[in-house]
Amino acid sequence: MFAARLDQLFDHVRHPSGRQYSLREVADGINEAGAVSITPSHLSRLRSGASRNPGFDQITAIAAFFGVDPKYFLEGDEVAARTSAELELLVTMRQRGIEDLLLRATNLSTEGLKVLRSTIEGLESVEALRAKDPLRRRGSRHHGEPTSTSDAAQSPGPAEGTDTDREQP
């Protein structure tokens, strides 16, 4: 059980560059935190299941490095299932390229988050309309609307000298 859960952390929690952490990097990170000392070879034995009895301090240090609750290793399936679901969400966000966007959103004020939420809801509405309307889905113009911002920028405005050019009294 411990080995499978540790292996899942290695598979899903990534180095900031996007690659998997090496055993050396995890050991170094744990050792730098100073709570316990652990070697890459011991981590390898824990990960493979060859070593089955890590101490509580090691479990806590490994959990802290990977950013999960130590209960992930110690408790039953409910905590593991919740943590696994969170890890899968991280993988999905990474694959979809939205992890950076979410991290950047953490710096926004409450008002900024409201604006972001509203913008996303508006985009979802537009996407839903496009999914229902075959003309929009193909990218063709519908009801005189431009299909992209570049179309809108290239659309000619009113001709000079028309009523819209004149000042109103």
N, C-alpha and C. Protein backbone atom coordinates (compact mmCIF):
# COMPACT_ATOMS: atom_id res chain seq x y z
N MET A 1 0.82 -1.19 0.00
CA MET A 1 0.00 0.00 0.00
C MET A 1 0.87 1.26 0.00
N PHE A 2 1.87 1.34 0.90
CA PHE A 2 2.72 2.51 0.97
C PHE A 2 3.47 2.70 -0.35
N ALA A 3 4.03 1.61 -0.88
CA ALA A 3 4.81 1.70 -2.12
C ALA A 3 3.96 2.23 -3.27
N ALA A 4 2.75 1.72 -3.41
CA ALA A 4 1.88 2.15 -4.51
C ALA A 4 1.53 3.64 -4.37
N ARG A 5 1.30 4.08 -3.15
CA ARG A 5 0.94 5.49 -2.95
C ARG A 5 2.15 6.40 -3.18
N LEU A 6 3.32 5.96 -2.75
CA LEU A 6 4.52 6.75 -3.00
C LEU A 6 4.81 6.81 -4.50
N ASP A 7 4.65 5.69 -5.17
CA ASP A 7 4.85 5.65 -6.62
C ASP A 7 3.89 6.60 -7.33
N GLN A 8 2.66 6.66 -6.85
CA GLN A 8 1.68 7.57 -7.45
C GLN A 8 2.13 9.03 -7.29
N LEU A 9 2.72 9.35 -6.14
CA LEU A 9 3.21 10.72 -5.95
C LEU A 9 4.34 11.03 -6.92
N PHE A 10 5.26 10.10 -7.08
CA PHE A 10 6.34 10.31 -8.05
C PHE A 10 5.78 10.50 -9.46
N ASP A 11 4.74 9.76 -9.79
CA ASP A 11 4.15 9.84 -11.13
C ASP A 11 3.38 11.14 -11.37
N HIS A 12 2.74 11.67 -10.33
CA HIS A 12 1.82 12.79 -10.53
C HIS A 12 2.31 14.15 -10.06
N VAL A 13 3.11 14.20 -9.04
CA VAL A 13 3.61 15.49 -8.55
C VAL A 13 4.92 15.76 -9.29
N ARG A 14 4.97 16.85 -10.01
CA ARG A 14 6.09 17.13 -10.91
C ARG A 14 6.99 18.25 -10.42
N HIS A 15 8.19 18.17 -10.88
CA HIS A 15 9.18 19.23 -10.71
C HIS A 15 8.62 20.47 -11.42
N PRO A 16 8.98 21.68 -11.00
CA PRO A 16 8.47 22.87 -11.69
C PRO A 16 8.71 22.88 -13.20
N SER A 17 9.72 22.16 -13.66
CA SER A 17 10.00 22.10 -15.09
C SER A 17 9.03 21.17 -15.83
N GLY A 18 8.23 20.40 -15.08
CA GLY A 18 7.26 19.50 -15.69
C GLY A 18 7.69 18.04 -15.72
N ARG A 19 8.94 17.77 -15.42
CA ARG A 19 9.40 16.38 -15.43
C ARG A 19 9.22 15.75 -14.05
N GLN A 20 9.39 14.44 -13.99
CA GLN A 20 9.31 13.75 -12.71
C GLN A 20 10.50 14.13 -11.83
N TYR A 21 10.27 14.13 -10.53
CA TYR A 21 11.37 14.29 -9.60
C TYR A 21 12.23 13.04 -9.60
N SER A 22 13.51 13.22 -9.46
CA SER A 22 14.41 12.07 -9.30
C SER A 22 14.44 11.68 -7.82
N LEU A 23 14.87 10.47 -7.56
CA LEU A 23 15.03 10.03 -6.17
C LEU A 23 15.98 10.97 -5.43
N ARG A 24 17.04 11.39 -6.10
CA ARG A 24 18.03 12.29 -5.49
C ARG A 24 17.39 13.63 -5.12
N GLU A 25 16.58 14.19 -6.00
CA GLU A 25 15.93 15.48 -5.72
C GLU A 25 14.98 15.38 -4.55
N VAL A 26 14.23 14.29 -4.47
CA VAL A 26 13.30 14.13 -3.35
C VAL A 26 14.08 13.97 -2.06
N ALA A 27 15.11 13.12 -2.08
CA ALA A 27 15.93 12.93 -0.87
C ALA A 27 16.57 14.24 -0.44
N ASP A 28 17.13 14.97 -1.40
CA ASP A 28 17.75 16.26 -1.07
C ASP A 28 16.73 17.24 -0.49
N GLY A 29 15.54 17.29 -1.07
CA GLY A 29 14.50 18.18 -0.56
C GLY A 29 14.08 17.83 0.85
N ILE A 30 13.95 16.55 1.12
CA ILE A 30 13.58 16.10 2.47
C ILE A 30 14.71 16.41 3.44
N ASN A 31 15.92 16.14 3.04
CA ASN A 31 17.07 16.38 3.92
C ASN A 31 17.26 17.87 4.19
N GLU A 32 17.02 18.71 3.20
CA GLU A 32 17.14 20.16 3.39
C GLU A 32 16.11 20.69 4.37
N ALA A 33 14.94 20.06 4.40
CA ALA A 33 13.91 20.48 5.35
C ALA A 33 14.35 20.19 6.77
N GLY A 34 15.24 19.20 6.94
CA GLY A 34 15.88 18.98 8.22
C GLY A 34 15.17 18.12 9.23
N ALA A 35 13.97 17.67 8.97
CA ALA A 35 13.26 16.86 9.97
C ALA A 35 13.85 15.46 10.08
N VAL A 36 14.21 14.87 8.95
CA VAL A 36 14.80 13.53 8.91
C VAL A 36 15.87 13.50 7.84
N SER A 37 16.63 12.43 7.84
CA SER A 37 17.61 12.20 6.81
C SER A 37 17.19 10.94 6.06
N ILE A 38 17.24 11.02 4.74
CA ILE A 38 16.82 9.88 3.92
C ILE A 38 17.71 9.83 2.69
N THR A 39 18.01 8.64 2.23
CA THR A 39 18.87 8.49 1.05
C THR A 39 18.03 8.15 -0.17
N PRO A 40 18.55 8.43 -1.35
CA PRO A 40 17.83 8.04 -2.57
C PRO A 40 17.60 6.52 -2.63
N SER A 41 18.57 5.73 -2.16
CA SER A 41 18.41 4.27 -2.21
C SER A 41 17.30 3.82 -1.26
N HIS A 42 17.16 4.46 -0.10
CA HIS A 42 16.06 4.10 0.80
C HIS A 42 14.71 4.48 0.18
N LEU A 43 14.66 5.65 -0.46
CA LEU A 43 13.44 6.04 -1.17
C LEU A 43 13.09 5.03 -2.26
N SER A 44 14.10 4.56 -2.97
CA SER A 44 13.88 3.56 -4.01
C SER A 44 13.30 2.28 -3.42
N ARG A 45 13.84 1.84 -2.27
CA ARG A 45 13.31 0.63 -1.62
C ARG A 45 11.88 0.84 -1.14
N LEU A 46 11.58 2.05 -0.63
CA LEU A 46 10.21 2.35 -0.20
C LEU A 46 9.26 2.35 -1.40
N ARG A 47 9.72 2.92 -2.49
CA ARG A 47 8.90 3.03 -3.69
C ARG A 47 8.63 1.66 -4.32
N SER A 48 9.62 0.79 -4.27
CA SER A 48 9.46 -0.54 -4.87
C SER A 48 8.77 -1.53 -3.94
N GLY A 49 8.65 -1.19 -2.67
CA GLY A 49 8.05 -2.11 -1.70
C GLY A 49 9.05 -3.01 -1.01
N ALA A 50 10.34 -2.89 -1.36
CA ALA A 50 11.37 -3.70 -0.72
C ALA A 50 11.53 -3.33 0.75
N SER A 51 11.30 -2.08 1.09
CA SER A 51 11.30 -1.62 2.47
C SER A 51 9.86 -1.23 2.80
N ARG A 52 9.30 -1.86 3.83
CA ARG A 52 7.87 -1.67 4.09
C ARG A 52 7.55 -0.94 5.37
N ASN A 53 8.53 -0.55 6.14
CA ASN A 53 8.24 0.04 7.44
C ASN A 53 8.90 1.40 7.64
N PRO A 54 8.49 2.40 6.88
CA PRO A 54 9.07 3.72 7.13
C PRO A 54 8.57 4.25 8.47
N GLY A 55 9.42 5.01 9.13
CA GLY A 55 9.02 5.63 10.39
C GLY A 55 8.04 6.76 10.15
N PHE A 56 7.34 7.13 11.20
CA PHE A 56 6.35 8.20 11.08
C PHE A 56 7.02 9.50 10.63
N ASP A 57 8.23 9.77 11.14
CA ASP A 57 8.93 11.00 10.73
C ASP A 57 9.25 10.98 9.24
N GLN A 58 9.63 9.81 8.71
CA GLN A 58 9.90 9.70 7.28
C GLN A 58 8.61 9.89 6.47
N ILE A 59 7.54 9.27 6.92
CA ILE A 59 6.25 9.42 6.24
C ILE A 59 5.85 10.90 6.20
N THR A 60 5.97 11.56 7.33
CA THR A 60 5.61 12.98 7.41
C THR A 60 6.49 13.82 6.49
N ALA A 61 7.79 13.53 6.46
CA ALA A 61 8.71 14.29 5.62
C ALA A 61 8.43 14.06 4.13
N ILE A 62 8.16 12.82 3.75
CA ILE A 62 7.85 12.52 2.35
C ILE A 62 6.55 13.20 1.95
N ALA A 63 5.54 13.12 2.82
CA ALA A 63 4.26 13.78 2.54
C ALA A 63 4.45 15.29 2.39
N ALA A 64 5.26 15.89 3.27
CA ALA A 64 5.50 17.34 3.19
C ALA A 64 6.18 17.70 1.87
N PHE A 65 7.15 16.91 1.45
CA PHE A 65 7.83 17.21 0.19
C PHE A 65 6.84 17.23 -0.96
N PHE A 66 5.96 16.24 -1.01
CA PHE A 66 5.02 16.13 -2.13
C PHE A 66 3.76 16.97 -1.94
N GLY A 67 3.63 17.60 -0.77
CA GLY A 67 2.48 18.48 -0.54
C GLY A 67 1.17 17.76 -0.28
N VAL A 68 1.25 16.58 0.34
CA VAL A 68 0.02 15.85 0.68
C VAL A 68 -0.03 15.63 2.18
N ASP A 69 -1.21 15.32 2.66
CA ASP A 69 -1.41 15.02 4.07
C ASP A 69 -0.78 13.66 4.38
N PRO A 70 -0.04 13.54 5.50
CA PRO A 70 0.54 12.23 5.86
C PRO A 70 -0.51 11.12 5.97
N LYS A 71 -1.75 11.51 6.21
CA LYS A 71 -2.83 10.51 6.28
C LYS A 71 -2.98 9.75 4.97
N TYR A 72 -2.53 10.34 3.88
CA TYR A 72 -2.56 9.67 2.58
C TYR A 72 -1.87 8.31 2.65
N PHE A 73 -0.79 8.24 3.41
CA PHE A 73 -0.05 6.98 3.56
C PHE A 73 -0.60 6.11 4.68
N LEU A 74 -1.23 6.71 5.66
CA LEU A 74 -1.56 6.00 6.90
C LEU A 74 -3.00 5.53 7.01
N GLU A 75 -3.91 6.27 6.42
CA GLU A 75 -5.31 5.96 6.64
C GLU A 75 -5.89 5.18 5.47
N GLY A 76 -7.14 4.83 5.63
CA GLY A 76 -7.82 3.98 4.68
C GLY A 76 -8.04 4.61 3.32
N ASP A 77 -8.90 3.97 2.59
CA ASP A 77 -9.11 4.30 1.19
C ASP A 77 -9.76 5.66 0.96
N GLU A 78 -10.51 6.18 1.93
CA GLU A 78 -11.19 7.46 1.72
C GLU A 78 -10.19 8.60 1.51
N VAL A 79 -9.19 8.70 2.38
CA VAL A 79 -8.18 9.75 2.26
C VAL A 79 -7.36 9.53 1.00
N ALA A 80 -6.99 8.27 0.75
CA ALA A 80 -6.21 7.96 -0.46
C ALA A 80 -7.00 8.28 -1.71
N ALA A 81 -8.28 7.98 -1.72
CA ALA A 81 -9.12 8.25 -2.90
C ALA A 81 -9.23 9.75 -3.14
N ARG A 82 -9.41 10.51 -2.07
CA ARG A 82 -9.52 11.97 -2.21
C ARG A 82 -8.19 12.55 -2.73
N THR A 83 -7.08 12.09 -2.16
CA THR A 83 -5.77 12.57 -2.60
C THR A 83 -5.50 12.15 -4.04
N SER A 84 -5.87 10.93 -4.39
CA SER A 84 -5.68 10.46 -5.77
C SER A 84 -6.49 11.30 -6.75
N ALA A 85 -7.71 11.65 -6.36
CA ALA A 85 -8.55 12.50 -7.22
C ALA A 85 -7.90 13.88 -7.40
N GLU A 86 -7.33 14.41 -6.32
CA GLU A 86 -6.65 15.71 -6.42
C GLU A 86 -5.42 15.62 -7.33
N LEU A 87 -4.69 14.50 -7.22
CA LEU A 87 -3.53 14.31 -8.07
C LEU A 87 -3.93 14.19 -9.54
N GLU A 88 -5.03 13.49 -9.80
CA GLU A 88 -5.52 13.37 -11.18
C GLU A 88 -5.94 14.73 -11.72
N LEU A 89 -6.53 15.55 -10.86
CA LEU A 89 -6.91 16.90 -11.27
C LEU A 89 -5.67 17.71 -11.64
N LEU A 90 -4.61 17.57 -10.86
CA LEU A 90 -3.35 18.25 -11.19
C LEU A 90 -2.82 17.81 -12.55
N VAL A 91 -2.88 16.51 -12.81
CA VAL A 91 -2.42 16.00 -14.10
C VAL A 91 -3.25 16.57 -15.23
N THR A 92 -4.56 16.59 -15.05
CA THR A 92 -5.45 17.14 -16.08
C THR A 92 -5.16 18.61 -16.32
N MET A 93 -4.97 19.36 -15.24
CA MET A 93 -4.66 20.78 -15.40
C MET A 93 -3.35 20.97 -16.14
N ARG A 94 -2.36 20.14 -15.82
CA ARG A 94 -1.07 20.23 -16.49
C ARG A 94 -1.22 19.91 -17.97
N GLN A 95 -1.97 18.85 -18.28
CA GLN A 95 -2.16 18.44 -19.67
C GLN A 95 -2.93 19.49 -20.46
N ARG A 96 -3.87 20.13 -19.85
CA ARG A 96 -4.67 21.14 -20.55
C ARG A 96 -3.98 22.49 -20.59
N GLY A 97 -2.87 22.63 -19.87
CA GLY A 97 -2.12 23.88 -19.88
C GLY A 97 -2.73 24.97 -19.04
N ILE A 98 -3.51 24.61 -18.03
CA ILE A 98 -4.15 25.64 -17.21
C ILE A 98 -3.55 25.76 -15.82
N GLU A 99 -2.58 24.91 -15.51
CA GLU A 99 -1.95 24.96 -14.20
C GLU A 99 -1.36 26.35 -13.93
N ASP A 100 -0.64 26.89 -14.91
CA ASP A 100 -0.03 28.21 -14.76
C ASP A 100 -1.09 29.29 -14.58
N LEU A 101 -2.18 29.17 -15.33
CA LEU A 101 -3.27 30.14 -15.22
C LEU A 101 -3.85 30.14 -13.80
N LEU A 102 -4.06 28.97 -13.25
CA LEU A 102 -4.60 28.88 -11.90
C LEU A 102 -3.62 29.43 -10.87
N LEU A 103 -2.35 29.13 -11.05
CA LEU A 103 -1.35 29.65 -10.12
C LEU A 103 -1.32 31.18 -10.17
N ARG A 104 -1.44 31.73 -11.37
CA ARG A 104 -1.45 33.18 -11.51
C ARG A 104 -2.70 33.78 -10.87
N ALA A 105 -3.81 33.06 -10.91
CA ALA A 105 -5.05 33.56 -10.33
C ALA A 105 -4.94 33.69 -8.81
N THR A 106 -4.04 32.94 -8.19
CA THR A 106 -3.89 33.04 -6.73
C THR A 106 -3.39 34.41 -6.30
N ASN A 107 -2.82 35.17 -7.23
CA ASN A 107 -2.32 36.52 -6.91
C ASN A 107 -3.39 37.60 -7.07
N LEU A 108 -4.56 37.22 -7.56
CA LEU A 108 -5.61 38.21 -7.80
C LEU A 108 -6.34 38.57 -6.52
N SER A 109 -6.84 39.79 -6.48
CA SER A 109 -7.68 40.23 -5.37
C SER A 109 -9.04 39.56 -5.47
N THR A 110 -9.85 39.72 -4.45
CA THR A 110 -11.21 39.18 -4.48
C THR A 110 -11.98 39.74 -5.67
N GLU A 111 -11.83 41.04 -5.92
CA GLU A 111 -12.51 41.67 -7.05
C GLU A 111 -11.99 41.11 -8.37
N GLY A 112 -10.68 40.93 -8.46
CA GLY A 112 -10.09 40.35 -9.66
C GLY A 112 -10.60 38.94 -9.92
N LEU A 113 -10.76 38.15 -8.86
CA LEU A 113 -11.30 36.79 -9.01
C LEU A 113 -12.75 36.82 -9.49
N LYS A 114 -13.53 37.82 -9.01
CA LYS A 114 -14.92 37.96 -9.48
C LYS A 114 -14.95 38.25 -10.98
N VAL A 115 -14.06 39.13 -11.42
CA VAL A 115 -13.99 39.47 -12.84
C VAL A 115 -13.57 38.24 -13.65
N LEU A 116 -12.59 37.51 -13.16
CA LEU A 116 -12.14 36.30 -13.84
C LEU A 116 -13.26 35.28 -13.94
N ARG A 117 -13.98 35.07 -12.84
CA ARG A 117 -15.10 34.13 -12.84
C ARG A 117 -16.16 34.55 -13.86
N SER A 118 -16.48 35.83 -13.87
CA SER A 118 -17.47 36.35 -14.82
C SER A 118 -17.01 36.16 -16.26
N THR A 119 -15.73 36.41 -16.51
CA THR A 119 -15.19 36.23 -17.85
C THR A 119 -15.27 34.78 -18.28
N ILE A 120 -14.91 33.88 -17.39
CA ILE A 120 -14.97 32.45 -17.71
C ILE A 120 -16.41 32.02 -17.98
N GLU A 121 -17.35 32.50 -17.17
CA GLU A 121 -18.75 32.15 -17.39
C GLU A 121 -19.23 32.67 -18.74
N GLY A 122 -18.79 33.86 -19.12
CA GLY A 122 -19.15 34.40 -20.43
C GLY A 122 -18.57 33.56 -21.56
N LEU A 123 -17.32 33.14 -21.40
CA LEU A 123 -16.70 32.29 -22.42
C LEU A 123 -17.39 30.94 -22.51
N GLU A 124 -17.79 30.40 -21.36
CA GLU A 124 -18.52 29.12 -21.38
C GLU A 124 -19.83 29.26 -22.15
N SER A 125 -20.51 30.39 -21.98
CA SER A 125 -21.76 30.63 -22.70
C SER A 125 -21.52 30.69 -24.21
N VAL A 126 -20.47 31.39 -24.60
CA VAL A 126 -20.13 31.50 -26.02
C VAL A 126 -19.79 30.12 -26.58
N GLU A 127 -18.99 29.36 -25.84
CA GLU A 127 -18.62 28.01 -26.30
C GLU A 127 -19.85 27.12 -26.42
N ALA A 128 -20.78 27.23 -25.48
CA ALA A 128 -22.01 26.43 -25.54
C ALA A 128 -22.83 26.79 -26.77
N LEU A 129 -22.91 28.08 -27.07
CA LEU A 129 -23.65 28.51 -28.26
C LEU A 129 -22.99 27.98 -29.52
N ARG A 130 -21.67 28.04 -29.58
CA ARG A 130 -20.96 27.54 -30.75
C ARG A 130 -21.17 26.04 -30.93
N ALA A 131 -21.22 25.32 -29.84
CA ALA A 131 -21.41 23.87 -29.90
C ALA A 131 -22.80 23.53 -30.44
N LYS A 132 -23.78 24.38 -30.19
CA LYS A 132 -25.16 24.12 -30.63
C LYS A 132 -25.43 24.60 -32.05
N ASP A 133 -24.67 25.58 -32.53
CA ASP A 133 -24.95 26.21 -33.82
C ASP A 133 -23.89 25.78 -34.84
N PRO A 134 -24.26 24.96 -35.82
CA PRO A 134 -23.29 24.46 -36.79
C PRO A 134 -22.57 25.56 -37.56
N LEU A 135 -23.24 26.67 -37.82
CA LEU A 135 -22.59 27.77 -38.54
C LEU A 135 -21.46 28.37 -37.72
N ARG A 136 -21.68 28.53 -36.42
CA ARG A 136 -20.63 29.07 -35.55
C ARG A 136 -19.51 28.04 -35.36
N ARG A 137 -19.87 26.79 -35.29
CA ARG A 137 -18.89 25.74 -35.06
C ARG A 137 -17.89 25.67 -36.22
N ARG A 138 -18.38 25.89 -37.44
CA ARG A 138 -17.50 25.86 -38.60
C ARG A 138 -16.68 27.13 -38.72
N GLY A 139 -16.99 28.13 -37.92
CA GLY A 139 -16.23 29.37 -37.98
C GLY A 139 -16.75 30.34 -39.03
N SER A 140 -17.94 30.06 -39.60
CA SER A 140 -18.47 30.99 -40.59
C SER A 140 -19.21 32.12 -39.89
N ARG A 141 -19.41 33.18 -40.63
CA ARG A 141 -20.11 34.32 -40.05
C ARG A 141 -21.58 34.02 -39.89
N HIS A 142 -22.12 34.52 -38.82
CA HIS A 142 -23.53 34.27 -38.51
C HIS A 142 -24.14 35.58 -38.06
N HIS A 143 -25.18 35.98 -38.68
CA HIS A 143 -25.88 37.22 -38.33
C HIS A 143 -24.95 38.42 -38.38
N GLY A 144 -23.99 38.42 -39.33
CA GLY A 144 -23.12 39.57 -39.51
C GLY A 144 -22.04 39.72 -38.47
N GLU A 145 -21.86 38.72 -37.58
CA GLU A 145 -20.83 38.83 -36.54
C GLU A 145 -19.51 38.32 -37.08
N PRO A 146 -18.42 38.96 -36.71
CA PRO A 146 -17.11 38.44 -37.12
C PRO A 146 -16.84 37.12 -36.41
N THR A 147 -16.05 36.25 -37.05
CA THR A 147 -15.75 34.95 -36.44
C THR A 147 -14.55 35.01 -35.54
N SER A 148 -13.76 36.06 -35.61
CA SER A 148 -12.60 36.16 -34.74
C SER A 148 -12.29 37.63 -34.51
N THR A 149 -11.39 37.85 -33.56
CA THR A 149 -11.02 39.23 -33.29
C THR A 149 -10.29 39.83 -34.47
N SER A 150 -9.56 39.00 -35.25
CA SER A 150 -8.88 39.56 -36.42
C SER A 150 -9.90 39.98 -37.47
N ASP A 151 -11.02 39.23 -37.60
CA ASP A 151 -12.07 39.64 -38.53
C ASP A 151 -12.66 40.97 -38.09
N ALA A 152 -12.85 41.11 -36.78
CA ALA A 152 -13.45 42.34 -36.26
C ALA A 152 -12.53 43.52 -36.53
N ALA A 153 -11.22 43.29 -36.41
CA ALA A 153 -10.27 44.37 -36.64
C ALA A 153 -10.23 44.76 -38.10
N GLN A 154 -10.49 43.79 -39.01
CA GLN A 154 -10.43 44.07 -40.43
C GLN A 154 -11.76 44.56 -40.98
N SER A 155 -12.83 44.45 -40.21
CA SER A 155 -14.14 44.87 -40.69
C SER A 155 -14.12 46.37 -40.92
N PRO A 156 -14.60 46.80 -42.08
CA PRO A 156 -14.60 48.25 -42.33
C PRO A 156 -15.63 48.91 -41.44
N GLY A 157 -15.30 50.09 -40.99
CA GLY A 157 -16.24 50.87 -40.19
C GLY A 157 -17.17 51.62 -41.11
N PRO A 158 -17.98 52.51 -40.57
CA PRO A 158 -18.87 53.29 -41.41
C PRO A 158 -18.06 54.17 -42.36
N ALA A 159 -18.57 54.35 -43.54
CA ALA A 159 -17.90 55.19 -44.53
C ALA A 159 -17.87 56.62 -44.04
N GLU A 160 -16.81 57.32 -44.42
CA GLU A 160 -16.73 58.71 -44.00
C GLU A 160 -17.88 59.50 -44.62
N GLY A 161 -18.38 60.48 -43.87
CA GLY A 161 -19.44 61.33 -44.37
C GLY A 161 -20.83 60.75 -44.16
N THR A 162 -20.91 59.60 -43.50
CA THR A 162 -22.23 59.04 -43.23
C THR A 162 -22.79 59.68 -41.99
N ASP A 163 -24.03 59.35 -41.69
CA ASP A 163 -24.70 59.93 -40.53
C ASP A 163 -23.95 59.65 -39.23
N THR A 164 -23.27 58.55 -39.15
CA THR A 164 -22.59 58.23 -37.90
C THR A 164 -21.35 59.08 -37.69
N ASP A 165 -20.88 59.74 -38.75
CA ASP A 165 -19.72 60.61 -38.65
C ASP A 165 -20.09 62.01 -38.17
N ARG A 166 -21.31 62.38 -38.37
CA ARG A 166 -21.72 63.74 -38.06
C ARG A 166 -22.03 63.89 -36.58
N GLU A 167 -21.71 65.08 -36.08
CA GLU A 167 -22.04 65.38 -34.70
C GLU A 167 -23.54 65.56 -34.58
N GLN A 168 -24.05 65.08 -33.52
CA GLN A 168 -25.48 65.24 -33.25
C GLN A 168 -25.69 66.55 -32.48
N PRO A 169 -26.83 67.26 -32.77
CA PRO A 169 -27.05 68.54 -32.07
C PRO A 169 -27.32 68.34 -30.60
